[in-house]
Amino acid sequence: MHIQFAELPVFDQDRAKAFYTDQLACQLIADEPMGDSGWRWIELAFPHAVTNLHFVRRADAAPSAEPVLVLVDENVEATTAALKARGVEIVTEPQEAPWQPGRTVAEFRDSEGNRMVLASR
């Protein structure tokens, strides 16, 4: 058993799709109309992951105060540096996780203001 997708609140689907495909190397799985509202079913896959992302309409303009996803990466420092070099907002630089000694974590914001954790294995 596994989780098929996690829902991610976004304001602008095109901007979010560009962020996740350009900055995090996600592959587009689906981009299909959903009724007459102009909203689309967009589903993205992370490299080597089983769970995909699906965009849902954000209810308000407030960005997330707490992280909405934890992304596991082999080299948190290098990935954080690459994201920073491409203009991604880094909330916290790589550091040891206070809840798990020996694990490195960093935080960044996506194009929609969602706070994300990047963590080592």
PDB file of N, CA and C in Angstrom:
ATOM      1  N   MET A   1       0.850  -1.176   0.000  1.00  0.00           N
ATOM      2  CA  MET A   1       0.000   0.000   0.000  1.00  0.00           C
ATOM      3  C   MET A   1       0.895   1.239   0.000  1.00  0.00           C
ATOM      4  N   HIS A   2       0.447   2.276  -0.696  1.00  0.00           N
ATOM      5  CA  HIS A   2       1.155   3.556  -0.667  1.00  0.00           C
ATOM      6  C   HIS A   2       0.158   4.681  -0.900  1.00  0.00           C
ATOM      7  N   ILE A   3       0.591   5.909  -0.653  1.00  0.00           N
ATOM      8  CA  ILE A   3      -0.234   7.096  -0.890  1.00  0.00           C
ATOM      9  C   ILE A   3      -0.050   7.496  -2.346  1.00  0.00           C
ATOM     10  N   GLN A   4      -1.156   7.650  -3.078  1.00  0.00           N
ATOM     11  CA  GLN A   4      -1.064   8.005  -4.494  1.00  0.00           C
ATOM     12  C   GLN A   4      -0.607   9.446  -4.683  1.00  0.00           C
ATOM     13  N   PHE A   5      -1.252  10.399  -3.971  1.00  0.00           N
ATOM     14  CA  PHE A   5      -0.845  11.790  -4.093  1.00  0.00           C
ATOM     15  C   PHE A   5      -1.119  12.547  -2.808  1.00  0.00           C
ATOM     16  N   ALA A   6      -0.380  13.618  -2.629  1.00  0.00           N
ATOM     17  CA  ALA A   6      -0.593  14.560  -1.537  1.00  0.00           C
ATOM     18  C   ALA A   6      -1.137  15.837  -2.163  1.00  0.00           C
ATOM     19  N   GLU A   7      -2.120  16.435  -1.520  1.00  0.00           N
ATOM     20  CA  GLU A   7      -2.694  17.668  -2.040  1.00  0.00           C
ATOM     21  C   GLU A   7      -1.894  18.870  -1.536  1.00  0.00           C
ATOM     22  N   LEU A   8      -1.625  19.795  -2.440  1.00  0.00           N
ATOM     23  CA  LEU A   8      -0.840  20.971  -2.131  1.00  0.00           C
ATOM     24  C   LEU A   8      -1.647  22.212  -2.501  1.00  0.00           C
ATOM     25  N   PRO A   9      -1.914  23.112  -1.538  1.00  0.00           N
ATOM     26  CA  PRO A   9      -2.702  24.308  -1.846  1.00  0.00           C
ATOM     27  C   PRO A   9      -1.897  25.321  -2.659  1.00  0.00           C
ATOM     28  N   VAL A  10      -2.478  25.800  -3.751  1.00  0.00           N
ATOM     29  CA  VAL A  10      -1.805  26.769  -4.617  1.00  0.00           C
ATOM     30  C   VAL A  10      -2.780  27.865  -5.034  1.00  0.00           C
ATOM     31  N   PHE A  11      -2.227  29.026  -5.406  1.00  0.00           N
ATOM     32  CA  PHE A  11      -3.008  30.137  -5.950  1.00  0.00           C
ATOM     33  C   PHE A  11      -3.043  30.050  -7.469  1.00  0.00           C
ATOM     34  N   ASP A  12      -1.876  29.850  -8.046  1.00  0.00           N
ATOM     35  CA  ASP A  12      -1.690  29.925  -9.492  1.00  0.00           C
ATOM     36  C   ASP A  12      -1.129  28.582  -9.973  1.00  0.00           C
ATOM     37  N   GLN A  13      -1.941  27.814 -10.644  1.00  0.00           N
ATOM     38  CA  GLN A  13      -1.524  26.471 -11.066  1.00  0.00           C
ATOM     39  C   GLN A  13      -0.349  26.499 -12.038  1.00  0.00           C
ATOM     40  N   ASP A  14      -0.351  27.430 -12.970  1.00  0.00           N
ATOM     41  CA  ASP A  14       0.751  27.483 -13.941  1.00  0.00           C
ATOM     42  C   ASP A  14       2.067  27.838 -13.264  1.00  0.00           C
ATOM     43  N   ARG A  15       2.021  28.810 -12.356  1.00  0.00           N
ATOM     44  CA  ARG A  15       3.230  29.206 -11.628  1.00  0.00           C
ATOM     45  C   ARG A  15       3.735  28.043 -10.769  1.00  0.00           C
ATOM     46  N   ALA A  16       2.821  27.354 -10.083  1.00  0.00           N
ATOM     47  CA  ALA A  16       3.208  26.215  -9.237  1.00  0.00           C
ATOM     48  C   ALA A  16       3.768  25.076 -10.090  1.00  0.00           C
ATOM     49  N   LYS A  17       3.122  24.802 -11.216  1.00  0.00           N
ATOM     50  CA  LYS A  17       3.605  23.743 -12.105  1.00  0.00           C
ATOM     51  C   LYS A  17       5.015  24.055 -12.590  1.00  0.00           C
ATOM     52  N   ALA A  18       5.259  25.296 -12.962  1.00  0.00           N
ATOM     53  CA  ALA A  18       6.602  25.700 -13.410  1.00  0.00           C
ATOM     54  C   ALA A  18       7.612  25.556 -12.279  1.00  0.00           C
ATOM     55  N   PHE A  19       7.238  25.954 -11.072  1.00  0.00           N
ATOM     56  CA  PHE A  19       8.158  25.840  -9.937  1.00  0.00           C
ATOM     57  C   PHE A  19       8.560  24.388  -9.705  1.00  0.00           C
ATOM     58  N   TYR A  20       7.587  23.508  -9.630  1.00  0.00           N
ATOM     59  CA  TYR A  20       7.890  22.114  -9.306  1.00  0.00           C
ATOM     60  C   TYR A  20       8.592  21.370 -10.440  1.00  0.00           C
ATOM     61  N   THR A  21       8.308  21.716 -11.686  1.00  0.00           N
ATOM     62  CA  THR A  21       9.023  21.060 -12.787  1.00  0.00           C
ATOM     63  C   THR A  21      10.415  21.660 -12.971  1.00  0.00           C
ATOM     64  N   ASP A  22      10.550  22.980 -12.843  1.00  0.00           N
ATOM     65  CA  ASP A  22      11.842  23.637 -13.067  1.00  0.00           C
ATOM     66  C   ASP A  22      12.779  23.533 -11.864  1.00  0.00           C
ATOM     67  N   GLN A  23      12.263  23.760 -10.672  1.00  0.00           N
ATOM     68  CA  GLN A  23      13.127  23.824  -9.486  1.00  0.00           C
ATOM     69  C   GLN A  23      13.360  22.461  -8.838  1.00  0.00           C
ATOM     70  N   LEU A  24      12.365  21.572  -8.891  1.00  0.00           N
ATOM     71  CA  LEU A  24      12.475  20.293  -8.185  1.00  0.00           C
ATOM     72  C   LEU A  24      12.428  19.086  -9.115  1.00  0.00           C
ATOM     73  N   ALA A  25      12.527  19.326 -10.413  1.00  0.00           N
ATOM     74  CA  ALA A  25      12.617  18.263 -11.424  1.00  0.00           C
ATOM     75  C   ALA A  25      11.441  17.294 -11.407  1.00  0.00           C
ATOM     76  N   CYS A  26      10.262  17.787 -11.054  1.00  0.00           N
ATOM     77  CA  CYS A  26       9.073  16.931 -11.094  1.00  0.00           C
ATOM     78  C   CYS A  26       8.653  16.691 -12.543  1.00  0.00           C
ATOM     79  N   GLN A  27       8.043  15.546 -12.758  1.00  0.00           N
ATOM     80  CA  GLN A  27       7.517  15.185 -14.076  1.00  0.00           C
ATOM     81  C   GLN A  27       6.008  15.409 -14.069  1.00  0.00           C
ATOM     82  N   LEU A  28       5.496  16.002 -15.120  1.00  0.00           N
ATOM     83  CA  LEU A  28       4.059  16.219 -15.250  1.00  0.00           C
ATOM     84  C   LEU A  28       3.369  14.900 -15.581  1.00  0.00           C
ATOM     85  N   ILE A  29       2.444  14.485 -14.732  1.00  0.00           N
ATOM     86  CA  ILE A  29       1.679  13.258 -14.929  1.00  0.00           C
ATOM     87  C   ILE A  29       0.338  13.563 -15.600  1.00  0.00           C
ATOM     88  N   ALA A  30      -0.308  14.646 -15.151  1.00  0.00           N
ATOM     89  CA  ALA A  30      -1.612  15.010 -15.718  1.00  0.00           C
ATOM     90  C   ALA A  30      -1.808  16.515 -15.636  1.00  0.00           C
ATOM     91  N   ASP A  31      -2.466  17.069 -16.642  1.00  0.00           N
ATOM     92  CA  ASP A  31      -2.890  18.468 -16.665  1.00  0.00           C
ATOM     93  C   ASP A  31      -4.161  18.503 -17.493  1.00  0.00           C
ATOM     94  N   GLU A  32      -5.291  18.312 -16.828  1.00  0.00           N
ATOM     95  CA  GLU A  32      -6.581  18.175 -17.502  1.00  0.00           C
ATOM     96  C   GLU A  32      -7.619  19.116 -16.893  1.00  0.00           C
ATOM     97  N   PRO A  33      -8.560  19.635 -17.708  1.00  0.00           N
ATOM     98  CA  PRO A  33      -9.620  20.496 -17.182  1.00  0.00           C
ATOM     99  C   PRO A  33     -10.482  19.763 -16.147  1.00  0.00           C
ATOM    100  N   MET A  34     -10.958  20.543 -15.170  1.00  0.00           N
ATOM    101  CA  MET A  34     -11.869  20.013 -14.146  1.00  0.00           C
ATOM    102  C   MET A  34     -13.119  20.887 -14.130  1.00  0.00           C
ATOM    103  N   GLY A  35     -14.051  20.637 -14.989  1.00  0.00           N
ATOM    104  CA  GLY A  35     -15.289  21.414 -15.023  1.00  0.00           C
ATOM    105  C   GLY A  35     -15.110  22.745 -15.720  1.00  0.00           C
ATOM    106  N   ASP A  36     -16.041  23.665 -15.431  1.00  0.00           N
ATOM    107  CA  ASP A  36     -16.084  24.956 -16.114  1.00  0.00           C
ATOM    108  C   ASP A  36     -15.370  26.076 -15.370  1.00  0.00           C
ATOM    109  N   SER A  37     -14.807  25.805 -14.208  1.00  0.00           N
ATOM    110  CA  SER A  37     -14.220  26.859 -13.375  1.00  0.00           C
ATOM    111  C   SER A  37     -12.854  27.331 -13.878  1.00  0.00           C
ATOM    112  N   GLY A  38     -12.255  26.594 -14.795  1.00  0.00           N
ATOM    113  CA  GLY A  38     -10.910  26.928 -15.251  1.00  0.00           C
ATOM    114  C   GLY A  38      -9.834  26.220 -14.441  1.00  0.00           C
ATOM    115  N   TRP A  39     -10.240  25.593 -13.335  1.00  0.00           N
ATOM    116  CA  TRP A  39      -9.291  24.846 -12.510  1.00  0.00           C
ATOM    117  C   TRP A  39      -8.974  23.535 -13.210  1.00  0.00           C
ATOM    118  N   ARG A  40      -7.724  23.081 -13.082  1.00  0.00           N
ATOM    119  CA  ARG A  40      -7.301  21.871 -13.770  1.00  0.00           C
ATOM    120  C   ARG A  40      -6.816  20.832 -12.771  1.00  0.00           C
ATOM    121  N   TRP A  41      -6.887  19.565 -13.165  1.00  0.00           N
ATOM    122  CA  TRP A  41      -6.284  18.483 -12.400  1.00  0.00           C
ATOM    123  C   TRP A  41      -4.838  18.417 -12.843  1.00  0.00           C
ATOM    124  N   ILE A  42      -3.934  18.878 -11.977  1.00  0.00           N
ATOM    125  CA  ILE A  42      -2.512  18.825 -12.264  1.00  0.00           C
ATOM    126  C   ILE A  42      -1.890  17.879 -11.247  1.00  0.00           C
ATOM    127  N   GLU A  43      -1.199  16.891 -11.757  1.00  0.00           N
ATOM    128  CA  GLU A  43      -0.527  15.921 -10.899  1.00  0.00           C
ATOM    129  C   GLU A  43       0.922  15.807 -11.362  1.00  0.00           C
ATOM    130  N   LEU A  44       1.839  15.872 -10.407  1.00  0.00           N
ATOM    131  CA  LEU A  44       3.271  15.843 -10.683  1.00  0.00           C
ATOM    132  C   LEU A  44       3.930  14.716  -9.906  1.00  0.00           C
ATOM    133  N   ALA A  45       4.999  14.174 -10.471  1.00  0.00           N
ATOM    134  CA  ALA A  45       5.753  13.111  -9.800  1.00  0.00           C
ATOM    135  C   ALA A  45       7.171  13.592  -9.510  1.00  0.00           C
ATOM    136  N   PHE A  46       7.613  13.364  -8.270  1.00  0.00           N
ATOM    137  CA  PHE A  46       9.002  13.623  -7.907  1.00  0.00           C
ATOM    138  C   PHE A  46       9.859  12.475  -8.438  1.00  0.00           C
ATOM    139  N   PRO A  47      11.104  12.765  -8.800  1.00  0.00           N
ATOM    140  CA  PRO A  47      11.979  11.676  -9.235  1.00  0.00           C
ATOM    141  C   PRO A  47      12.122  10.618  -8.135  1.00  0.00           C
ATOM    142  N   HIS A  48      11.976   9.369  -8.489  1.00  0.00           N
ATOM    143  CA  HIS A  48      12.171   8.222  -7.591  1.00  0.00           C
ATOM    144  C   HIS A  48      11.156   8.136  -6.454  1.00  0.00           C
ATOM    145  N   ALA A  49      10.043   8.849  -6.533  1.00  0.00           N
ATOM    146  CA  ALA A  49       9.041   8.826  -5.461  1.00  0.00           C
ATOM    147  C   ALA A  49       7.809   8.049  -5.901  1.00  0.00           C
ATOM    148  N   VAL A  50       7.103   7.508  -4.937  1.00  0.00           N
ATOM    149  CA  VAL A  50       5.859   6.800  -5.210  1.00  0.00           C
ATOM    150  C   VAL A  50       4.673   7.754  -5.118  1.00  0.00           C
ATOM    151  N   THR A  51       4.714   8.696  -4.171  1.00  0.00           N
ATOM    152  CA  THR A  51       3.619   9.635  -3.967  1.00  0.00           C
ATOM    153  C   THR A  51       3.772  10.836  -4.887  1.00  0.00           C
ATOM    154  N   ASN A  52       2.705  11.204  -5.582  1.00  0.00           N
ATOM    155  CA  ASN A  52       2.681  12.356  -6.464  1.00  0.00           C
ATOM    156  C   ASN A  52       2.110  13.567  -5.738  1.00  0.00           C
ATOM    157  N   LEU A  53       2.179  14.735  -6.376  1.00  0.00           N
ATOM    158  CA  LEU A  53       1.551  15.958  -5.885  1.00  0.00           C
ATOM    159  C   LEU A  53       0.340  16.268  -6.733  1.00  0.00           C
ATOM    160  N   HIS A  54      -0.704  16.773  -6.095  1.00  0.00           N
ATOM    161  CA  HIS A  54      -1.898  17.242  -6.788  1.00  0.00           C
ATOM    162  C   HIS A  54      -2.213  18.623  -6.234  1.00  0.00           C
ATOM    163  N   PHE A  55      -2.425  19.603  -7.110  1.00  0.00           N
ATOM    164  CA  PHE A  55      -2.718  20.970  -6.679  1.00  0.00           C
ATOM    165  C   PHE A  55      -4.196  21.139  -6.363  1.00  0.00           C
ATOM    166  N   VAL A  56      -4.492  21.735  -5.209  1.00  0.00           N
ATOM    167  CA  VAL A  56      -5.854  22.121  -4.849  1.00  0.00           C
ATOM    168  C   VAL A  56      -5.884  23.635  -4.693  1.00  0.00           C
ATOM    169  N   ARG A  57      -7.051  24.211  -4.898  1.00  0.00           N
ATOM    170  CA  ARG A  57      -7.192  25.665  -4.819  1.00  0.00           C
ATOM    171  C   ARG A  57      -7.020  26.128  -3.376  1.00  0.00           C
ATOM    172  N   ARG A  58      -6.138  27.083  -3.185  1.00  0.00           N
ATOM    173  CA  ARG A  58      -5.909  27.647  -1.857  1.00  0.00           C
ATOM    174  C   ARG A  58      -7.117  28.484  -1.462  1.00  0.00           C
ATOM    175  N   ALA A  59      -7.564  28.316  -0.220  1.00  0.00           N
ATOM    176  CA  ALA A  59      -8.767  28.988   0.269  1.00  0.00           C
ATOM    177  C   ALA A  59      -8.558  30.479   0.516  1.00  0.00           C
ATOM    178  N   ASP A  60      -7.351  30.870   0.937  1.00  0.00           N
ATOM    179  CA  ASP A  60      -7.095  32.285   1.226  1.00  0.00           C
ATOM    180  C   ASP A  60      -5.671  32.638   0.834  1.00  0.00           C
ATOM    181  N   ALA A  61      -5.311  33.891   1.056  1.00  0.00           N
ATOM    182  CA  ALA A  61      -4.008  34.383   0.611  1.00  0.00           C
ATOM    183  C   ALA A  61      -2.881  34.116   1.604  1.00  0.00           C
ATOM    184  N   ALA A  62      -3.192  33.586   2.763  1.00  0.00           N
ATOM    185  CA  ALA A  62      -2.167  33.384   3.787  1.00  0.00           C
ATOM    186  C   ALA A  62      -1.255  32.203   3.436  1.00  0.00           C
ATOM    187  N   PRO A  63       0.056  32.446   3.375  1.00  0.00           N
ATOM    188  CA  PRO A  63       0.966  31.320   3.145  1.00  0.00           C
ATOM    189  C   PRO A  63       1.010  30.420   4.380  1.00  0.00           C
ATOM    190  N   SER A  64       1.447  29.210   4.197  1.00  0.00           N
ATOM    191  CA  SER A  64       1.471  28.264   5.307  1.00  0.00           C
ATOM    192  C   SER A  64       2.480  28.688   6.367  1.00  0.00           C
ATOM    193  N   ALA A  65       2.062  28.659   7.622  1.00  0.00           N
ATOM    194  CA  ALA A  65       2.960  28.990   8.733  1.00  0.00           C
ATOM    195  C   ALA A  65       3.841  27.800   9.077  1.00  0.00           C
ATOM    196  N   GLU A  66       3.301  26.617   8.936  1.00  0.00           N
ATOM    197  CA  GLU A  66       4.032  25.386   9.231  1.00  0.00           C
ATOM    198  C   GLU A  66       4.335  24.654   7.924  1.00  0.00           C
ATOM    199  N   PRO A  67       5.373  23.836   7.917  1.00  0.00           N
ATOM    200  CA  PRO A  67       5.679  23.078   6.703  1.00  0.00           C
ATOM    201  C   PRO A  67       4.517  22.169   6.281  1.00  0.00           C
ATOM    202  N   VAL A  68       4.302  22.084   4.979  1.00  0.00           N
ATOM    203  CA  VAL A  68       3.216  21.250   4.456  1.00  0.00           C
ATOM    204  C   VAL A  68       3.720  19.919   3.913  1.00  0.00           C
ATOM    205  N   LEU A  69       5.007  19.837   3.572  1.00  0.00           N
ATOM    206  CA  LEU A  69       5.600  18.596   3.077  1.00  0.00           C
ATOM    207  C   LEU A  69       7.028  18.471   3.580  1.00  0.00           C
ATOM    208  N   VAL A  70       7.478  17.247   3.743  1.00  0.00           N
ATOM    209  CA  VAL A  70       8.878  16.956   4.023  1.00  0.00           C
ATOM    210  C   VAL A  70       9.405  16.184   2.818  1.00  0.00           C
ATOM    211  N   LEU A  71      10.408  16.747   2.162  1.00  0.00           N
ATOM    212  CA  LEU A  71      11.025  16.126   1.000  1.00  0.00           C
ATOM    213  C   LEU A  71      12.372  15.551   1.431  1.00  0.00           C
ATOM    214  N   VAL A  72      12.599  14.286   1.174  1.00  0.00           N
ATOM    215  CA  VAL A  72      13.846  13.627   1.561  1.00  0.00           C
ATOM    216  C   VAL A  72      14.810  13.687   0.384  1.00  0.00           C
ATOM    217  N   ASP A  73      16.059  14.086   0.686  1.00  0.00           N
ATOM    218  CA  ASP A  73      17.059  14.290  -0.358  1.00  0.00           C
ATOM    219  C   ASP A  73      18.405  13.755   0.112  1.00  0.00           C
ATOM    220  N   GLU A  74      19.199  13.268  -0.822  1.00  0.00           N
ATOM    221  CA  GLU A  74      20.510  12.712  -0.496  1.00  0.00           C
ATOM    222  C   GLU A  74      21.505  13.769  -0.019  1.00  0.00           C
ATOM    223  N   ASN A  75      21.411  15.000  -0.553  1.00  0.00           N
ATOM    224  CA  ASN A  75      22.381  16.035  -0.230  1.00  0.00           C
ATOM    225  C   ASN A  75      21.648  17.353   0.018  1.00  0.00           C
ATOM    226  N   VAL A  76      21.197  17.542   1.237  1.00  0.00           N
ATOM    227  CA  VAL A  76      20.411  18.729   1.601  1.00  0.00           C
ATOM    228  C   VAL A  76      21.198  20.010   1.346  1.00  0.00           C
ATOM    229  N   GLU A  77      22.476  20.012   1.701  1.00  0.00           N
ATOM    230  CA  GLU A  77      23.293  21.217   1.519  1.00  0.00           C
ATOM    231  C   GLU A  77      23.379  21.617   0.049  1.00  0.00           C
ATOM    232  N   ALA A  78      23.683  20.670  -0.823  1.00  0.00           N
ATOM    233  CA  ALA A  78      23.822  20.971  -2.250  1.00  0.00           C
ATOM    234  C   ALA A  78      22.483  21.373  -2.864  1.00  0.00           C
ATOM    235  N   THR A  79      21.422  20.689  -2.500  1.00  0.00           N
ATOM    236  CA  THR A  79      20.105  21.023  -3.048  1.00  0.00           C
ATOM    237  C   THR A  79      19.661  22.399  -2.572  1.00  0.00           C
ATOM    238  N   THR A  80      19.896  22.713  -1.302  1.00  0.00           N
ATOM    239  CA  THR A  80      19.551  24.041  -0.784  1.00  0.00           C
ATOM    240  C   THR A  80      20.339  25.123  -1.509  1.00  0.00           C
ATOM    241  N   ALA A  81      21.631  24.891  -1.710  1.00  0.00           N
ATOM    242  CA  ALA A  81      22.463  25.869  -2.430  1.00  0.00           C
ATOM    243  C   ALA A  81      21.972  26.068  -3.864  1.00  0.00           C
ATOM    244  N   ALA A  82      21.590  24.981  -4.525  1.00  0.00           N
ATOM    245  CA  ALA A  82      21.085  25.082  -5.905  1.00  0.00           C
ATOM    246  C   ALA A  82      19.765  25.844  -5.950  1.00  0.00           C
ATOM    247  N   LEU A  83      18.869  25.558  -5.013  1.00  0.00           N
ATOM    248  CA  LEU A  83      17.591  26.281  -4.962  1.00  0.00           C
ATOM    249  C   LEU A  83      17.825  27.771  -4.710  1.00  0.00           C
ATOM    250  N   LYS A  84      18.707  28.073  -3.771  1.00  0.00           N
ATOM    251  CA  LYS A  84      19.031  29.466  -3.434  1.00  0.00           C
ATOM    252  C   LYS A  84      19.606  30.190  -4.648  1.00  0.00           C
ATOM    253  N   ALA A  85      20.495  29.526  -5.377  1.00  0.00           N
ATOM    254  CA  ALA A  85      21.114  30.126  -6.565  1.00  0.00           C
ATOM    255  C   ALA A  85      20.080  30.428  -7.646  1.00  0.00           C
ATOM    256  N   ARG A  86      18.975  29.670  -7.658  1.00  0.00           N
ATOM    257  CA  ARG A  86      17.912  29.899  -8.651  1.00  0.00           C
ATOM    258  C   ARG A  86      16.831  30.837  -8.125  1.00  0.00           C
ATOM    259  N   GLY A  87      17.081  31.471  -6.962  1.00  0.00           N
ATOM    260  CA  GLY A  87      16.162  32.484  -6.451  1.00  0.00           C
ATOM    261  C   GLY A  87      15.054  31.975  -5.553  1.00  0.00           C
ATOM    262  N   VAL A  88      15.115  30.713  -5.144  1.00  0.00           N
ATOM    263  CA  VAL A  88      14.094  30.170  -4.246  1.00  0.00           C
ATOM    264  C   VAL A  88      14.353  30.706  -2.835  1.00  0.00           C
ATOM    265  N   GLU A  89      13.284  31.109  -2.154  1.00  0.00           N
ATOM    266  CA  GLU A  89      13.402  31.624  -0.787  1.00  0.00           C
ATOM    267  C   GLU A  89      13.758  30.490   0.179  1.00  0.00           C
ATOM    268  N   ILE A  90      14.900  30.621   0.829  1.00  0.00           N
ATOM    269  CA  ILE A  90      15.335  29.656   1.832  1.00  0.00           C
ATOM    270  C   ILE A  90      14.910  30.212   3.192  1.00  0.00           C
ATOM    271  N   VAL A  91      14.090  29.459   3.925  1.00  0.00           N
ATOM    272  CA  VAL A  91      13.590  29.895   5.231  1.00  0.00           C
ATOM    273  C   VAL A  91      14.626  29.595   6.313  1.00  0.00           C
ATOM    274  N   THR A  92      15.182  28.394   6.299  1.00  0.00           N
ATOM    275  CA  THR A  92      16.270  28.040   7.222  1.00  0.00           C
ATOM    276  C   THR A  92      17.341  27.301   6.437  1.00  0.00           C
ATOM    277  N   GLU A  93      18.575  27.670   6.677  1.00  0.00           N
ATOM    278  CA  GLU A  93      19.725  27.019   6.042  1.00  0.00           C
ATOM    279  C   GLU A  93      19.876  25.607   6.616  1.00  0.00           C
ATOM    280  N   PRO A  94      20.608  24.740   5.927  1.00  0.00           N
ATOM    281  CA  PRO A  94      20.822  23.384   6.431  1.00  0.00           C
ATOM    282  C   PRO A  94      21.403  23.386   7.846  1.00  0.00           C
ATOM    283  N   GLN A  95      20.833  22.543   8.677  1.00  0.00           N
ATOM    284  CA  GLN A  95      21.252  22.421  10.072  1.00  0.00           C
ATOM    285  C   GLN A  95      20.834  21.058  10.596  1.00  0.00           C
ATOM    286  N   GLU A  96      21.355  20.687  11.745  1.00  0.00           N
ATOM    287  CA  GLU A  96      20.960  19.412  12.339  1.00  0.00           C
ATOM    288  C   GLU A  96      19.527  19.516  12.851  1.00  0.00           C
ATOM    289  N   ALA A  97      18.732  18.507  12.576  1.00  0.00           N
ATOM    290  CA  ALA A  97      17.337  18.489  13.027  1.00  0.00           C
ATOM    291  C   ALA A  97      17.292  18.407  14.545  1.00  0.00           C
ATOM    292  N   PRO A  98      16.597  19.326  15.209  1.00  0.00           N
ATOM    293  CA  PRO A  98      16.546  19.289  16.666  1.00  0.00           C
ATOM    294  C   PRO A  98      15.843  18.039  17.202  1.00  0.00           C
ATOM    295  N   TRP A  99      14.988  17.430  16.407  1.00  0.00           N
ATOM    296  CA  TRP A  99      14.235  16.255  16.837  1.00  0.00           C
ATOM    297  C   TRP A  99      14.933  14.940  16.488  1.00  0.00           C
ATOM    298  N   GLN A 100      16.023  15.035  15.653  1.00  0.00           N
ATOM    299  CA  GLN A 100      16.708  13.811  15.240  1.00  0.00           C
ATOM    300  C   GLN A 100      18.183  14.098  14.980  1.00  0.00           C
ATOM    301  N   PRO A 101      19.014  13.970  16.020  1.00  0.00           N
ATOM    302  CA  PRO A 101      20.451  14.213  15.837  1.00  0.00           C
ATOM    303  C   PRO A 101      21.018  13.368  14.692  1.00  0.00           C
ATOM    304  N   GLY A 102      21.876  14.014  13.899  1.00  0.00           N
ATOM    305  CA  GLY A 102      22.485  13.334  12.764  1.00  0.00           C
ATOM    306  C   GLY A 102      21.730  13.526  11.457  1.00  0.00           C
ATOM    307  N   ARG A 103      20.523  14.058  11.519  1.00  0.00           N
ATOM    308  CA  ARG A 103      19.731  14.306  10.309  1.00  0.00           C
ATOM    309  C   ARG A 103      19.790  15.794   9.978  1.00  0.00           C
ATOM    310  N   THR A 104      20.066  16.109   8.719  1.00  0.00           N
ATOM    311  CA  THR A 104      20.161  17.493   8.268  1.00  0.00           C
ATOM    312  C   THR A 104      18.824  17.931   7.677  1.00  0.00           C
ATOM    313  N   VAL A 105      18.404  19.146   8.024  1.00  0.00           N
ATOM    314  CA  VAL A 105      17.168  19.707   7.485  1.00  0.00           C
ATOM    315  C   VAL A 105      17.386  21.158   7.067  1.00  0.00           C
ATOM    316  N   ALA A 106      16.597  21.601   6.127  1.00  0.00           N
ATOM    317  CA  ALA A 106      16.529  22.999   5.706  1.00  0.00           C
ATOM    318  C   ALA A 106      15.071  23.255   5.334  1.00  0.00           C
ATOM    319  N   GLU A 107      14.694  24.512   5.232  1.00  0.00           N
ATOM    320  CA  GLU A 107      13.325  24.849   4.829  1.00  0.00           C
ATOM    321  C   GLU A 107      13.362  25.893   3.727  1.00  0.00           C
ATOM    322  N   PHE A 108      12.391  25.790   2.811  1.00  0.00           N
ATOM    323  CA  PHE A 108      12.241  26.772   1.743  1.00  0.00           C
ATOM    324  C   PHE A 108      10.765  26.997   1.480  1.00  0.00           C
ATOM    325  N   ARG A 109      10.459  28.038   0.715  1.00  0.00           N
ATOM    326  CA  ARG A 109       9.081  28.311   0.295  1.00  0.00           C
ATOM    327  C   ARG A 109       8.977  28.065  -1.203  1.00  0.00           C
ATOM    328  N   ASP A 110       7.849  27.466  -1.594  1.00  0.00           N
ATOM    329  CA  ASP A 110       7.616  27.278  -3.022  1.00  0.00           C
ATOM    330  C   ASP A 110       7.018  28.549  -3.609  1.00  0.00           C
ATOM    331  N   SER A 111       6.647  28.516  -4.860  1.00  0.00           N
ATOM    332  CA  SER A 111       6.111  29.690  -5.558  1.00  0.00           C
ATOM    333  C   SER A 111       4.802  30.177  -4.960  1.00  0.00           C
ATOM    334  N   GLU A 112       4.105  29.336  -4.203  1.00  0.00           N
ATOM    335  CA  GLU A 112       2.796  29.676  -3.644  1.00  0.00           C
ATOM    336  C   GLU A 112       2.855  30.023  -2.153  1.00  0.00           C
ATOM    337  N   GLY A 113       4.069  30.115  -1.616  1.00  0.00           N
ATOM    338  CA  GLY A 113       4.240  30.458  -0.209  1.00  0.00           C
ATOM    339  C   GLY A 113       4.201  29.266   0.730  1.00  0.00           C
ATOM    340  N   ASN A 114       4.032  28.051   0.192  1.00  0.00           N
ATOM    341  CA  ASN A 114       4.045  26.859   1.025  1.00  0.00           C
ATOM    342  C   ASN A 114       5.440  26.651   1.599  1.00  0.00           C
ATOM    343  N   ARG A 115       5.482  26.354   2.876  1.00  0.00           N
ATOM    344  CA  ARG A 115       6.756  26.080   3.549  1.00  0.00           C
ATOM    345  C   ARG A 115       7.055  24.603   3.441  1.00  0.00           C
ATOM    346  N   MET A 116       8.260  24.266   2.999  1.00  0.00           N
ATOM    347  CA  MET A 116       8.677  22.888   2.775  1.00  0.00           C
ATOM    348  C   MET A 116       9.923  22.572   3.577  1.00  0.00           C
ATOM    349  N   VAL A 117      10.017  21.344   4.050  1.00  0.00           N
ATOM    350  CA  VAL A 117      11.226  20.870   4.711  1.00  0.00           C
ATOM    351  C   VAL A 117      11.971  19.991   3.733  1.00  0.00           C
ATOM    352  N   LEU A 118      13.258  20.199   3.647  1.00  0.00           N
ATOM    353  CA  LEU A 118      14.156  19.343   2.886  1.00  0.00           C
ATOM    354  C   LEU A 118      14.984  18.611   3.928  1.00  0.00           C
ATOM    355  N   ALA A 119      14.937  17.291   3.958  1.00  0.00           N
ATOM    356  CA  ALA A 119      15.594  16.515   5.005  1.00  0.00           C
ATOM    357  C   ALA A 119      16.452  15.399   4.423  1.00  0.00           C
ATOM    358  N   SER A 120      17.550  15.127   5.105  1.00  0.00           N
ATOM    359  CA  SER A 120      18.382  13.985   4.722  1.00  0.00           C
ATOM    360  C   SER A 120      17.709  12.699   5.189  1.00  0.00           C
ATOM    361  N   ARG A 121      18.200  11.575   4.697  1.00  0.00           N
ATOM    362  CA  ARG A 121      17.627  10.282   5.083  1.00  0.00           C
ATOM    363  C   ARG A 121      17.849   9.978   6.518  1.00  0.00           C
TER     364      ARG A 121
END
